[in-house]
């Protein structure tokens, strides 16, 4: 006799939703198709989440939490942090595609609490590194964080025309060199 495992079903649904939303965005995603991917009935989607929009938000929050936990900031080694972010993005292109859809489809919404909290914590870590003298104080910590995040993920957002300018094997070095120059004290 099969046992019910709601946590496993919920995770299957989250995984299927990531794939569906990464491919189609929230507007193009279909509950019946993502339920089929998850191996569950479409009605079960609504027992776990407040419809397709609720599921989209839940996937986003899970991605943010996983990234924060998997790639914690080391404000004394921002080049290394940027490299680890780059590596995570390269290993999980589906996540990056989902995040691109999220930015397109949720641009008019307030920043989710999980993101605001994460950015505040990272900014505070950079401010502490600035006080220790390991990161330049020439720029505010928030600007440094924005630039580091942009550099770490820049290859994920460009067309082939720009991406071909630097080979896959060189990109990590380009990022770490740029971040090193950006954050070097006295530079």
Protein backbone atom coordinates (compact mmCIF):
# COMPACT_ATOMS: atom_id res chain seq x y z
CA UNK A 1 0.00 0.00 0.00
CA UNK A 2 1.41 3.40 -0.99
CA UNK A 3 1.85 5.95 1.75
CA UNK A 4 1.09 9.59 1.36
CA UNK A 5 4.07 11.88 1.49
CA UNK A 6 2.93 15.49 1.17
CA UNK A 7 6.45 16.87 1.58
CA UNK A 8 7.71 14.77 -1.32
CA UNK A 9 4.73 15.75 -3.47
CA UNK A 10 5.26 19.41 -2.62
CA UNK A 11 8.94 19.15 -3.62
CA UNK A 12 8.01 17.38 -6.86
CA UNK A 13 5.61 20.21 -7.56
CA UNK A 14 8.24 22.87 -6.78
CA UNK A 15 10.76 21.16 -9.08
CA UNK A 16 8.21 20.83 -11.87
CA UNK A 17 7.12 24.44 -11.38
CA UNK A 18 10.71 25.67 -11.68
CA UNK A 19 11.03 23.85 -15.00
CA UNK A 20 7.64 25.08 -16.26
CA UNK A 21 8.16 28.70 -15.19
CA UNK A 22 11.72 28.75 -16.51
CA UNK A 23 10.42 27.68 -19.88
CA UNK A 24 7.20 29.71 -20.10
CA UNK A 25 7.13 32.35 -17.35
CA UNK A 26 4.10 32.66 -15.12
CA UNK A 27 1.84 33.95 -17.90
CA UNK A 28 2.64 31.08 -20.26
CA UNK A 29 2.80 28.32 -17.66
CA UNK A 30 -0.12 25.94 -17.39
CA UNK A 31 -1.15 24.25 -14.17
CA UNK A 32 -2.18 21.05 -15.94
CA UNK A 33 1.21 20.82 -17.66
CA UNK A 34 3.25 21.46 -14.51
CA UNK A 35 1.09 19.01 -12.53
CA UNK A 36 1.80 16.39 -15.19
CA UNK A 37 5.54 17.14 -14.90
CA UNK A 38 5.25 16.64 -11.14
CA UNK A 39 3.22 13.45 -11.50
CA UNK A 40 0.31 14.85 -9.48
CA UNK A 41 -3.23 15.91 -10.22
CA UNK A 42 -3.85 19.56 -11.17
CA UNK A 43 -6.17 19.93 -8.19
CA UNK A 44 -3.35 19.10 -5.81
CA UNK A 45 -1.52 22.26 -6.96
CA UNK A 46 -4.28 24.31 -5.36
CA UNK A 47 -4.11 22.37 -2.11
CA UNK A 48 -0.46 23.36 -1.70
CA UNK A 49 -0.45 26.89 -3.16
CA UNK A 50 -2.72 29.79 -3.93
CA UNK A 51 -2.87 28.99 -7.63
CA UNK A 52 -0.23 29.51 -10.25
CA UNK A 53 0.80 32.95 -8.94
CA UNK A 54 1.25 31.63 -5.42
CA UNK A 55 3.37 28.78 -6.74
CA UNK A 56 5.47 31.20 -8.81
CA UNK A 57 6.17 33.28 -5.69
CA UNK A 58 6.96 30.17 -3.65
CA UNK A 59 9.49 28.99 -6.25
CA UNK A 60 11.10 32.45 -6.24
CA UNK A 61 11.39 32.53 -2.45
CA UNK A 62 12.84 29.01 -2.41
CA UNK A 63 15.44 29.97 -5.02
CA UNK A 64 16.48 33.04 -3.01
CA UNK A 65 16.75 31.03 0.22
CA UNK A 66 18.71 28.24 -1.49
CA UNK A 67 21.11 30.71 -3.09
CA UNK A 68 21.71 32.58 0.15
CA UNK A 69 22.40 29.30 1.94
CA UNK A 70 24.41 27.67 -0.85
CA UNK A 71 26.50 30.74 -1.69
CA UNK A 72 26.94 32.76 1.49
CA UNK A 73 28.66 36.09 1.17
CA UNK A 74 32.25 36.42 2.31
CA UNK A 75 32.67 40.17 2.34
CA UNK A 76 36.43 39.82 2.90
CA UNK A 77 36.64 37.80 -0.33
CA UNK A 78 34.16 39.41 -2.70
CA UNK A 79 36.01 38.14 -5.81
CA UNK A 80 35.59 34.58 -4.49
CA UNK A 81 31.95 35.24 -3.66
CA UNK A 82 31.34 36.53 -7.19
CA UNK A 83 33.07 33.45 -8.62
CA UNK A 84 30.89 31.12 -6.54
CA UNK A 85 27.76 32.98 -7.67
CA UNK A 86 28.92 32.67 -11.28
CA UNK A 87 29.56 28.94 -10.83
CA UNK A 88 26.12 28.40 -9.27
CA UNK A 89 24.45 30.25 -12.14
CA UNK A 90 26.38 28.24 -14.71
CA UNK A 91 25.41 24.98 -12.98
CA UNK A 92 21.73 25.98 -12.78
CA UNK A 93 20.76 27.81 -15.98
CA UNK A 94 17.10 26.95 -15.36
CA UNK A 95 17.20 29.02 -12.16
CA UNK A 96 18.70 31.97 -14.02
CA UNK A 97 16.03 31.71 -16.70
CA UNK A 98 13.34 31.61 -14.00
CA UNK A 99 14.84 34.72 -12.39
CA UNK A 100 14.78 36.51 -15.74
CA UNK A 101 11.08 35.71 -16.07
CA UNK A 102 10.52 36.88 -12.51
CA UNK A 103 12.21 40.20 -13.24
CA UNK A 104 10.06 40.66 -16.35
CA UNK A 105 6.76 39.63 -14.81
CA UNK A 106 7.13 41.07 -11.32
CA UNK A 107 9.00 44.33 -12.00
CA UNK A 108 6.10 46.41 -10.72
CA UNK A 109 5.83 44.63 -7.37
CA UNK A 110 7.58 45.53 -4.14
CA UNK A 111 10.76 43.65 -3.36
CA UNK A 112 9.87 40.43 -1.51
CA UNK A 113 10.85 40.39 2.17
CA UNK A 114 13.25 37.47 1.69
CA UNK A 115 15.18 39.47 -0.93
CA UNK A 116 15.17 42.71 1.06
CA UNK A 117 16.45 40.89 4.14
CA UNK A 118 19.18 39.14 2.14
CA UNK A 119 20.34 42.40 0.52
CA UNK A 120 20.37 44.17 3.90
CA UNK A 121 22.48 41.39 5.42
CA UNK A 122 24.93 41.42 2.51
CA UNK A 123 25.21 45.20 2.60
CA UNK A 124 25.91 45.08 6.34
CA UNK A 125 28.61 42.45 5.76
CA UNK A 126 30.29 44.67 3.16
CA UNK A 127 30.05 47.69 5.49
CA UNK A 128 31.80 45.63 8.19
CA UNK A 129 34.52 44.65 5.69
CA UNK A 130 34.92 48.32 4.80
CA UNK A 131 35.40 49.14 8.48
CA UNK A 132 38.04 46.38 8.72
CA UNK A 133 39.77 47.86 5.68
CA UNK A 134 39.45 44.77 3.47
CA UNK A 135 37.03 46.47 1.04
CA UNK A 136 37.30 49.97 -0.37
CA UNK A 137 35.31 52.71 1.28
CA UNK A 138 35.30 54.77 -1.92
CA UNK A 139 31.79 53.56 -2.72
CA UNK A 140 28.79 52.83 -0.51
CA UNK A 141 28.39 49.16 0.40
CA UNK A 142 25.08 48.93 -1.49
CA UNK A 143 26.71 50.09 -4.72
CA UNK A 144 29.52 47.59 -4.29
CA UNK A 145 27.02 44.78 -3.70
CA UNK A 146 24.99 45.75 -6.77
CA UNK A 147 28.11 45.77 -8.92
CA UNK A 148 29.41 42.47 -7.54
CA UNK A 149 26.06 40.76 -8.17
CA UNK A 150 25.87 42.22 -11.67
CA UNK A 151 29.38 41.13 -12.55
CA UNK A 152 28.85 37.64 -11.12
CA UNK A 153 25.76 37.09 -13.23
CA UNK A 154 26.54 39.16 -16.30
CA UNK A 155 27.06 36.23 -18.65
CA UNK A 156 23.61 34.90 -17.86
CA UNK A 157 21.90 38.00 -19.23
CA UNK A 158 23.69 38.58 -22.51
CA UNK A 159 22.98 37.46 -26.01
CA UNK A 160 25.34 35.21 -27.90
CA UNK A 161 26.90 38.27 -29.53
CA UNK A 162 28.26 39.52 -26.21
CA UNK A 163 28.82 36.09 -24.67
CA UNK A 164 31.11 34.99 -27.48
CA UNK A 165 33.55 37.82 -26.67
CA UNK A 166 34.90 35.83 -23.71
CA UNK A 167 35.10 32.04 -23.66
CA UNK A 168 33.32 30.02 -20.98
CA UNK A 169 36.66 29.10 -19.40
CA UNK A 170 37.77 32.75 -19.18
CA UNK A 171 34.56 34.19 -17.72
CA UNK A 172 35.25 33.26 -14.10
CA UNK A 173 38.67 34.92 -14.26
CA UNK A 174 37.24 38.03 -15.91
CA UNK A 175 34.70 38.30 -13.10
CA UNK A 176 37.17 37.78 -10.25
CA UNK A 177 39.66 40.24 -11.76
CA UNK A 178 36.97 42.90 -12.20
CA UNK A 179 35.64 42.43 -8.66
CA UNK A 180 39.18 42.47 -7.24
CA UNK A 181 39.81 45.84 -8.85
CA UNK A 182 36.40 47.15 -7.79
CA UNK A 183 36.78 46.35 -4.10
CA UNK A 184 40.52 46.79 -3.53
CA UNK A 185 41.18 49.24 -0.70
CA UNK A 186 42.97 52.36 -1.80
CA UNK A 187 42.22 51.61 -5.45
